[in-house]
């Protein structure tokens, strides 16, 4: 299956948008299924950094660890799931729009499955993510344009 891709324009500078998106503590603020998120360790975000996330899908909570594979401020980053039955792969890009006071955020989300994840991915995870991603981007836009 192909990655889920969603873009949105935000009336904030790319540097501000990138900084917010790559701060793990903000994930639960704009992502509907993220219950908690924290960096593993105290070092600044960089290639090799890890983030621990707990997601809620339905009534279940799914803990997962993501590792930063690419980090190119303020343009792009990517993270890959390193554990669990369903491992997410996300790539984000932030592009300046017009005079540079606006940004276009594009998120690409894909998955790989292991064990029971082979059943969960097509029946639960992928449909949920496809429905949630546009809502998350709209919420992100609202938060950032309001001054978060």
Protein backbone atom coordinates (compact mmCIF):
# COMPACT_ATOMS: atom_id res chain seq x y z
CA UNK A 1 0.00 0.00 0.00
CA UNK A 2 1.10 3.55 -0.56
CA UNK A 3 1.81 6.13 2.12
CA UNK A 4 -0.94 8.39 3.40
CA UNK A 5 -0.10 11.97 2.38
CA UNK A 6 -1.71 15.16 3.64
CA UNK A 7 -0.70 18.83 3.22
CA UNK A 8 -1.92 22.08 4.72
CA UNK A 9 -0.89 25.73 4.60
CA UNK A 10 -0.28 27.53 7.89
CA UNK A 11 0.11 31.27 8.40
CA UNK A 12 3.37 30.97 10.36
CA UNK A 13 7.03 31.08 9.37
CA UNK A 14 8.64 27.70 8.48
CA UNK A 15 11.09 27.97 11.39
CA UNK A 16 8.22 28.32 13.89
CA UNK A 17 6.24 25.47 12.35
CA UNK A 18 9.23 23.13 12.19
CA UNK A 19 10.20 23.87 15.79
CA UNK A 20 6.68 23.11 17.03
CA UNK A 21 6.31 19.93 14.96
CA UNK A 22 9.62 18.45 16.07
CA UNK A 23 9.12 19.13 19.78
CA UNK A 24 7.89 15.77 21.09
CA UNK A 25 6.03 17.36 23.98
CA UNK A 26 3.59 19.01 21.54
CA UNK A 27 2.37 15.78 19.90
CA UNK A 28 -0.66 15.26 22.21
CA UNK A 29 -1.69 18.89 21.66
CA UNK A 30 -2.39 18.44 17.95
CA UNK A 31 -2.67 14.69 17.32
CA UNK A 32 -6.00 13.17 18.28
CA UNK A 33 -4.70 9.66 19.09
CA UNK A 34 -1.52 10.76 20.94
CA UNK A 35 -2.14 10.40 24.68
CA UNK A 36 1.44 11.09 25.78
CA UNK A 37 4.78 11.78 24.16
CA UNK A 38 8.25 12.43 25.50
CA UNK A 39 11.81 12.35 24.23
CA UNK A 40 14.01 9.51 25.44
CA UNK A 41 16.91 11.35 27.08
CA UNK A 42 17.74 15.03 27.43
CA UNK A 43 19.67 15.73 24.23
CA UNK A 44 18.18 18.09 21.62
CA UNK A 45 16.32 16.48 18.73
CA UNK A 46 18.77 15.10 16.15
CA UNK A 47 19.31 12.03 13.97
CA UNK A 48 19.28 9.04 16.31
CA UNK A 49 17.04 10.68 18.94
CA UNK A 50 14.15 8.59 20.19
CA UNK A 51 10.63 9.56 21.19
CA UNK A 52 8.28 7.45 23.28
CA UNK A 53 4.60 7.86 22.29
CA UNK A 54 1.42 6.32 23.68
CA UNK A 55 -1.47 6.29 21.21
CA UNK A 56 -5.11 5.49 21.84
CA UNK A 57 -7.05 3.76 19.10
CA UNK A 58 -10.54 2.88 20.22
CA UNK A 59 -10.30 1.70 23.81
CA UNK A 60 -6.75 0.39 23.53
CA UNK A 61 -3.48 2.16 24.21
CA UNK A 62 -0.45 1.37 22.12
CA UNK A 63 3.02 2.38 23.35
CA UNK A 64 5.66 2.85 20.68
CA UNK A 65 9.15 4.19 20.20
CA UNK A 66 10.12 6.29 17.18
CA UNK A 67 13.68 7.04 16.09
CA UNK A 68 14.67 10.15 14.14
CA UNK A 69 16.22 9.12 10.80
CA UNK A 70 16.42 12.55 9.14
CA UNK A 71 16.55 16.00 10.72
CA UNK A 72 17.09 19.01 8.45
CA UNK A 73 15.74 22.18 10.17
CA UNK A 74 13.58 23.96 9.12
CA UNK A 75 12.82 21.82 6.05
CA UNK A 76 12.26 18.16 6.85
CA UNK A 77 12.47 15.29 9.29
CA UNK A 78 11.57 11.62 9.36
CA UNK A 79 10.96 9.12 12.13
CA UNK A 80 10.57 5.35 12.07
CA UNK A 81 8.86 3.10 14.58
CA UNK A 82 11.34 0.66 16.11
CA UNK A 83 9.06 -1.57 18.18
CA UNK A 84 5.55 -2.97 18.41
CA UNK A 85 3.34 -4.94 16.04
CA UNK A 86 2.64 -1.87 13.85
CA UNK A 87 5.52 0.51 13.19
CA UNK A 88 4.84 3.93 11.77
CA UNK A 89 7.12 5.72 9.34
CA UNK A 90 6.51 9.46 9.12
CA UNK A 91 8.22 12.07 6.97
CA UNK A 92 7.41 15.73 7.35
CA UNK A 93 8.35 18.65 5.15
CA UNK A 94 7.87 22.35 5.79
CA UNK A 95 8.11 24.65 2.78
CA UNK A 96 7.94 28.45 2.73
CA UNK A 97 4.94 29.86 0.86
CA UNK A 98 4.80 33.31 -0.74
CA UNK A 99 6.87 35.82 1.21
CA UNK A 100 8.02 33.23 3.77
CA UNK A 101 5.49 34.23 6.41
CA UNK A 102 3.41 31.14 5.59
CA UNK A 103 4.31 27.46 5.39
CA UNK A 104 3.09 24.34 3.65
CA UNK A 105 3.32 21.27 5.87
CA UNK A 106 3.22 17.86 4.19
CA UNK A 107 3.09 14.68 6.24
CA UNK A 108 3.66 11.25 4.71
CA UNK A 109 2.67 8.33 6.91
CA UNK A 110 3.27 4.67 6.19
CA UNK A 111 3.42 1.50 8.26
CA UNK A 112 4.98 -1.91 8.51
CA UNK A 113 3.45 -4.74 10.48
CA UNK A 114 4.78 -7.65 12.53
CA UNK A 115 2.88 -10.55 14.11
CA UNK A 116 -0.67 -9.53 15.09
CA UNK A 117 0.03 -6.19 13.37
CA UNK A 118 -0.53 -7.93 10.03
CA UNK A 119 -4.22 -8.12 11.00
CA UNK A 120 -4.44 -4.79 12.85
CA UNK A 121 -2.80 -2.69 10.13
CA UNK A 122 -5.36 -3.05 7.31
CA UNK A 123 -8.43 -3.43 9.53
CA UNK A 124 -7.81 -0.84 12.25
CA UNK A 125 -4.61 1.21 12.06
CA UNK A 126 -4.50 2.37 8.42
CA UNK A 127 -8.22 3.36 8.23
CA UNK A 128 -7.91 5.20 11.56
CA UNK A 129 -4.76 7.06 10.45
CA UNK A 130 -6.27 7.99 7.08
CA UNK A 131 -9.27 9.52 8.85
CA UNK A 132 -7.26 11.20 11.62
CA UNK A 133 -4.42 12.80 9.63
CA UNK A 134 -6.49 15.57 7.96
CA UNK A 135 -8.10 16.41 11.33
CA UNK A 136 -4.68 16.57 12.98
CA UNK A 137 -3.36 18.96 10.34
CA UNK A 138 -6.40 21.24 10.69
CA UNK A 139 -5.92 21.25 14.47
CA UNK A 140 -2.21 22.00 14.02
CA UNK A 141 -3.11 24.96 11.79
CA UNK A 142 -5.59 26.30 14.37
CA UNK A 143 -3.06 26.03 17.22
CA UNK A 144 -0.18 27.62 15.35
CA UNK A 145 -2.22 30.42 13.83
CA UNK A 146 -3.59 31.21 17.30
CA UNK A 147 -0.05 31.67 18.54
CA UNK A 148 1.05 28.37 20.11
